[in-house]
Structures are given as structure tokens and as C-alpha cells.
Amino acid sequence: MGAGVANATEITVLSTQATEHSYRELVPQFERATGHTVKTTYTGTLDAKKRIAAGEYFDMLIMASPDIDAFLASGTLAPGSRIDIAKSGVGVGVKAGAPRPDISTVEAFKKTLLAAKSIGYSTGPSGNYVIGLFDRLGIAGEVKPKLKQTATGVFVGSIVANGDVEIGIQQVSEMSYFAGVDYIGPLPADIQKITIFASGIAANAKQPAAAKAWVKFLTQPGSADTFKKRGMEPG
């Protein structure tokens, strides 16, 4: 990557969790290649926004692209610094060993939700999407008493794995490899929602060049398989 150990520095990153598993795998590779270190805070979307509003420092931000665009517009992020990292759809999981519900069609998915005793969802982009989806499917009233929303920064998989909810819905990248969860699959194509997770460099970044090197590493062709194996598509 062209950075020598003599020029090594610490990059501070604030990131939501959809890309976390792939990201964590790539960090040591980047650190070995460049001598830089990457200090990352992983949290939920709502908490990330609170931290930013409170003035928490970071060199680089990773969030859903609409949020990145909003922070670019507000001047929090440097103009032109958005780089798309990976895309994820929304997926469904149940407690490991539980019966596997049918979500193969929109109608089957509706029946599964109506039959479920409890449904977990997040405070992030997937959670916002499914609340609107329940409305569009005409089942919002029936499923409302069954819904359990995780706190910001808490994976839906955690309340699926411990049995707090019968079925969970979250980004594929967050649900598909969660310990104690059997991943059922993505939402049917007709109602799927693909979210782009992007990065931006802080307008007041102390290490913008190193942060840009990290983004370049995350988005290089050699990193693509690390995202794909977590159910994401690069870029």
C-alpha cells in the first residue's frame, strides 16, 4: 500500500455493524501491509448518530449510504469522500435447531410472520425497512404485538439465539453467520431491500491519507471474497 512503518499512524473509525465481520478480518492484513493501526468503534446506527452529534472524533465513518450522504451535505464529512464498500440484503433467521419456516415467496413470508409468536428486528436500516414492509404487506396490525426491537448496537441474532424471539430479520451480513442462529435465507426478491454501506472521511480528519489508504484496501479486488463470504456484494 506504499506506507512505510516510519510513517505509520493510528486511524480512528466509527462504523455501524453490517460490515463488521468482514472488516475485522481485513484489519490485520492492512496493518501488516502498511504499519498503520486501525482503531474502530462498532455500534448501531442510532448510537453512531448520537456520537457524531456529541462531537466524537473519527477519521473515517462507515454507515448506510443515505446517512453518509446526509453527513456529506452537513459538512461533517469531506466533500467527495464517499466510497461504497459493500451491499447487503435483508435476511431471516431462527434459533439453531428450530423448525425452518417457509420464506420462499412473498405469500409464504407473510404466512410465516403471521404464524410466528414473536419477531425480532433492528433499529438500523433493515429495521426501518421491515416496519414499512409490514405495512405494505397489509399485516402491520397483526404483527405489531409480536415485535421486539433490539437496542442500538445489539444484533438481532442475539435475541434469536437466546430464544427471546422466534424469528429475526436483519441484514444478511449480520444474521447469516450468527452463532446459535440457523439462517433461513434472504427475503423474496420482490420485497428485498439492498442497502449500500459506504465510507466517508471526516472533514476534520487528522489522518485523511491513512484513512483513504484503508478505504482503498477495503475496496481492492483482493478484499472482495471477504465480503462475499458474509453474504455481501463488494462496492
Protein backbone atom coordinates (compact mmCIF):
# COMPACT_ATOMS: atom_id res chain seq x y z
CA MET A 1 0.00 0.00 0.00
CA GLY A 2 3.03 2.24 -0.06
CA ALA A 3 3.08 3.29 3.62
CA GLY A 4 6.29 2.61 5.50
CA VAL A 5 6.49 1.83 9.18
CA ALA A 6 8.23 5.18 9.71
CA ASN A 7 5.04 6.89 8.51
CA ALA A 8 2.69 4.59 10.39
CA THR A 9 -0.20 6.16 12.24
CA GLU A 10 -3.45 5.27 14.00
CA ILE A 11 -6.70 5.59 12.03
CA THR A 12 -9.84 6.18 14.09
CA VAL A 13 -13.01 4.71 12.57
CA LEU A 14 -16.66 4.89 13.62
CA SER A 15 -18.64 2.10 11.96
CA THR A 16 -22.08 0.56 12.05
CA GLN A 17 -22.16 -3.22 12.22
CA ALA A 18 -23.29 -4.60 8.87
CA THR A 19 -19.74 -4.79 7.54
CA GLU A 20 -18.16 -5.67 10.90
CA HIS A 21 -17.30 -9.36 10.43
CA SER A 22 -15.62 -8.88 7.05
CA TYR A 23 -13.99 -5.65 8.20
CA ARG A 24 -12.46 -7.30 11.27
CA GLU A 25 -10.91 -9.98 9.08
CA LEU A 26 -9.27 -7.38 6.83
CA VAL A 27 -7.88 -5.13 9.59
CA PRO A 28 -4.82 -7.25 10.47
CA GLN A 29 -3.98 -7.73 6.80
CA PHE A 30 -3.96 -3.96 6.28
CA GLU A 31 -1.99 -3.33 9.45
CA ARG A 32 0.69 -5.83 8.42
CA ALA A 33 0.88 -4.36 4.91
CA THR A 34 1.13 -0.71 5.94
CA GLY A 35 2.28 -0.43 9.56
CA HIS A 36 -0.83 1.66 10.28
CA THR A 37 -3.18 0.63 13.09
CA VAL A 38 -6.96 0.83 12.85
CA LYS A 39 -8.94 1.71 15.97
CA THR A 40 -12.64 1.06 15.31
CA THR A 41 -15.78 1.64 17.33
CA TYR A 42 -18.58 -0.65 16.11
CA THR A 43 -22.06 0.44 17.08
CA GLY A 44 -25.64 0.77 15.91
CA THR A 45 -26.90 3.48 13.58
CA LEU A 46 -28.72 5.47 16.27
CA ASP A 47 -25.75 5.38 18.64
CA ALA A 48 -23.36 6.37 15.84
CA LYS A 49 -25.51 9.41 15.09
CA LYS A 50 -25.59 10.35 18.78
CA ARG A 51 -21.81 10.09 18.99
CA ILE A 52 -21.39 12.31 15.94
CA ALA A 53 -23.89 14.86 17.29
CA ALA A 54 -21.92 14.92 20.55
CA GLY A 55 -18.74 15.75 18.65
CA GLU A 56 -16.94 12.40 18.97
CA TYR A 57 -13.79 12.40 16.85
CA PHE A 58 -13.16 9.98 13.97
CA ASP A 59 -11.08 9.97 10.81
CA MET A 60 -13.46 7.76 8.88
CA LEU A 61 -17.14 6.83 9.07
CA ILE A 62 -18.89 3.71 7.72
CA MET A 63 -22.69 3.73 7.57
CA ALA A 64 -25.59 3.13 5.19
CA SER A 65 -25.15 5.36 2.15
CA PRO A 66 -28.14 7.67 2.83
CA ASP A 67 -26.56 8.57 6.19
CA ILE A 68 -23.16 9.10 4.58
CA ASP A 69 -24.81 11.42 2.04
CA ALA A 70 -26.52 13.35 4.83
CA PHE A 71 -23.22 13.84 6.67
CA LEU A 72 -21.59 14.96 3.43
CA ALA A 73 -24.36 17.50 2.96
CA SER A 74 -23.96 18.78 6.52
CA GLY A 75 -20.21 19.21 6.17
CA THR A 76 -19.35 16.55 8.75
CA LEU A 77 -17.62 14.55 6.01
CA ALA A 78 -15.17 15.91 3.45
CA PRO A 79 -16.69 16.69 0.04
CA GLY A 80 -16.29 13.89 -2.49
CA SER A 81 -15.05 11.38 0.11
CA ARG A 82 -17.88 8.85 -0.18
CA ILE A 83 -16.65 5.41 -1.27
CA ASP A 84 -19.09 2.49 -1.41
CA ILE A 85 -17.75 -0.58 0.40
CA ALA A 86 -20.38 -3.33 0.18
CA LYS A 87 -24.07 -4.08 -0.30
CA SER A 88 -26.31 -6.28 1.81
CA GLY A 89 -29.86 -7.55 1.52
CA VAL A 90 -32.19 -8.37 4.40
CA GLY A 91 -32.31 -11.93 5.73
CA VAL A 92 -34.23 -14.13 8.16
CA GLY A 93 -33.03 -16.44 10.91
CA VAL A 94 -34.39 -18.71 13.65
CA LYS A 95 -32.86 -20.29 16.75
CA ALA A 96 -30.47 -23.10 15.86
CA GLY A 97 -32.39 -26.38 15.63
CA ALA A 98 -35.84 -24.75 15.42
CA PRO A 99 -38.22 -25.61 12.56
CA ARG A 100 -37.26 -23.79 9.38
CA PRO A 101 -40.13 -21.56 8.19
CA ASP A 102 -41.00 -21.04 4.53
CA ILE A 103 -40.00 -17.61 3.21
CA SER A 104 -39.58 -18.67 -0.42
CA THR A 105 -42.34 -16.37 -1.74
CA VAL A 106 -43.95 -13.16 -0.57
CA GLU A 107 -47.10 -15.04 0.39
CA ALA A 108 -45.12 -17.68 2.27
CA PHE A 109 -43.19 -14.97 4.11
CA LYS A 110 -46.46 -13.29 5.14
CA LYS A 111 -47.84 -16.59 6.45
CA THR A 112 -44.64 -17.22 8.38
CA LEU A 113 -44.83 -13.81 10.05
CA LEU A 114 -48.49 -14.24 10.90
CA ALA A 115 -47.80 -17.68 12.40
CA ALA A 116 -44.76 -16.58 14.39
CA LYS A 117 -45.20 -15.93 18.10
CA SER A 118 -42.54 -13.20 18.14
CA ILE A 119 -40.43 -11.29 15.60
CA GLY A 120 -37.14 -9.50 16.20
CA TYR A 121 -35.91 -6.52 14.20
CA SER A 122 -33.27 -3.81 14.50
CA THR A 123 -33.02 -0.05 14.93
CA GLY A 124 -30.88 0.16 11.77
CA PRO A 125 -31.72 0.29 8.05
CA SER A 126 -33.19 -3.23 7.93
CA GLY A 127 -35.48 -2.46 10.87
CA ASN A 128 -36.72 0.75 9.31
CA TYR A 129 -37.37 -1.12 6.08
CA VAL A 130 -39.32 -4.04 7.54
CA ILE A 131 -41.65 -1.80 9.53
CA GLY A 132 -42.69 -0.19 6.25
CA LEU A 133 -42.79 -3.61 4.59
CA PHE A 134 -45.27 -4.96 7.15
CA ASP A 135 -47.50 -2.04 6.26
CA ARG A 136 -47.22 -2.73 2.52
CA LEU A 137 -47.98 -6.40 3.06
CA GLY A 138 -51.13 -5.45 4.98
CA ILE A 139 -50.10 -7.22 8.19
CA ALA A 140 -48.79 -4.33 10.32
CA GLY A 141 -51.66 -4.51 12.79
CA GLU A 142 -51.42 -8.27 13.24
CA VAL A 143 -47.67 -8.43 13.76
CA LYS A 144 -47.29 -5.29 15.90
CA PRO A 145 -47.94 -7.09 19.24
CA LYS A 146 -45.27 -9.67 18.35
CA LEU A 147 -42.46 -7.25 17.52
CA LYS A 148 -39.34 -6.87 19.62
CA GLN A 149 -36.77 -4.27 18.57
CA THR A 150 -33.17 -4.62 19.71
CA ALA A 151 -31.38 -1.68 21.28
CA THR A 152 -28.97 0.19 19.04
CA GLY A 153 -25.78 -1.81 18.63
CA VAL A 154 -27.40 -5.13 19.61
CA PHE A 155 -27.55 -7.80 16.90
CA VAL A 156 -30.99 -9.28 16.23
CA GLY A 157 -29.23 -12.66 16.13
CA SER A 158 -28.62 -12.38 19.88
CA ILE A 159 -32.34 -12.40 20.73
CA VAL A 160 -32.95 -15.17 18.20
CA ALA A 161 -30.16 -17.34 19.59
CA ASN A 162 -31.33 -16.97 23.20
CA GLY A 163 -34.96 -17.70 22.33
CA ASP A 164 -36.36 -14.24 23.11
CA VAL A 165 -37.92 -14.19 19.64
CA GLU A 166 -38.99 -17.00 17.31
CA ILE A 167 -37.81 -15.32 14.11
CA GLY A 168 -35.39 -12.49 13.42
CA ILE A 169 -34.92 -10.13 10.50
CA GLN A 170 -31.73 -8.16 9.87
CA GLN A 171 -29.03 -7.55 7.26
CA VAL A 172 -27.84 -10.82 5.69
CA SER A 173 -24.27 -9.99 6.73
CA GLU A 174 -25.35 -9.74 10.38
CA MET A 175 -27.76 -12.68 10.50
CA SER A 176 -26.24 -15.34 8.25
CA TYR A 177 -23.27 -16.35 10.41
CA PHE A 178 -24.52 -15.52 13.89
CA ALA A 179 -23.69 -18.20 16.46
CA GLY A 180 -26.79 -20.04 17.67
CA VAL A 181 -28.87 -18.98 14.66
CA ASP A 182 -29.98 -21.03 11.66
CA TYR A 183 -30.03 -18.68 8.71
CA ILE A 184 -33.13 -19.31 6.57
CA GLY A 185 -32.26 -17.03 3.67
CA PRO A 186 -32.84 -13.61 2.16
CA LEU A 187 -36.25 -12.00 1.73
CA PRO A 188 -38.00 -12.91 -1.54
CA ALA A 189 -36.66 -10.87 -4.45
CA ASP A 190 -39.94 -8.97 -4.93
CA ILE A 191 -39.66 -7.44 -1.45
CA GLN A 192 -35.90 -7.44 -0.95
CA LYS A 193 -34.10 -4.27 0.07
CA ILE A 194 -30.43 -3.83 -0.82
CA THR A 195 -28.55 -1.35 1.34
CA ILE A 196 -25.23 0.12 0.29
CA PHE A 197 -22.77 0.62 3.13
CA ALA A 198 -20.32 3.39 2.35
CA SER A 199 -17.43 5.25 3.91
CA GLY A 200 -16.59 8.90 4.24
CA ILE A 201 -13.57 10.81 5.55
CA ALA A 202 -14.22 13.31 8.33
CA ALA A 203 -13.89 16.95 7.34
CA ASN A 204 -11.64 17.41 10.40
CA ALA A 205 -9.73 14.12 9.99
CA LYS A 206 -6.22 14.17 11.43
CA GLN A 207 -5.15 11.20 9.31
CA PRO A 208 -7.00 11.59 5.99
CA ALA A 209 -4.28 9.99 3.86
CA ALA A 210 -4.07 6.88 6.04
CA ALA A 211 -7.86 6.66 6.17
CA LYS A 212 -8.00 6.83 2.37
CA ALA A 213 -5.42 4.03 2.21
CA TRP A 214 -7.65 1.92 4.47
CA VAL A 215 -10.69 2.55 2.26
CA LYS A 216 -8.63 1.62 -0.79
CA PHE A 217 -7.61 -1.63 0.90
CA LEU A 218 -11.22 -2.45 1.84
CA THR A 219 -12.38 -1.93 -1.74
CA GLN A 220 -9.50 -3.56 -3.62
CA PRO A 221 -10.33 -6.71 -5.64
CA GLY A 222 -8.38 -8.85 -3.18
CA SER A 223 -10.80 -7.96 -0.39
CA ALA A 224 -13.95 -8.88 -2.34
CA ASP A 225 -14.14 -12.53 -1.24
CA THR A 226 -14.04 -11.50 2.42
CA PHE A 227 -17.29 -9.59 1.95
CA LYS A 228 -18.88 -12.21 -0.31
CA LYS A 229 -18.50 -15.00 2.24
CA ARG A 230 -20.55 -12.91 4.67
CA GLY A 231 -23.39 -12.53 2.17
CA MET A 232 -22.40 -9.09 0.92
CA GLU A 233 -21.53 -7.84 -2.54
CA PRO A 234 -18.48 -5.56 -2.80
CA GLY A 235 -18.86 -1.93 -3.89
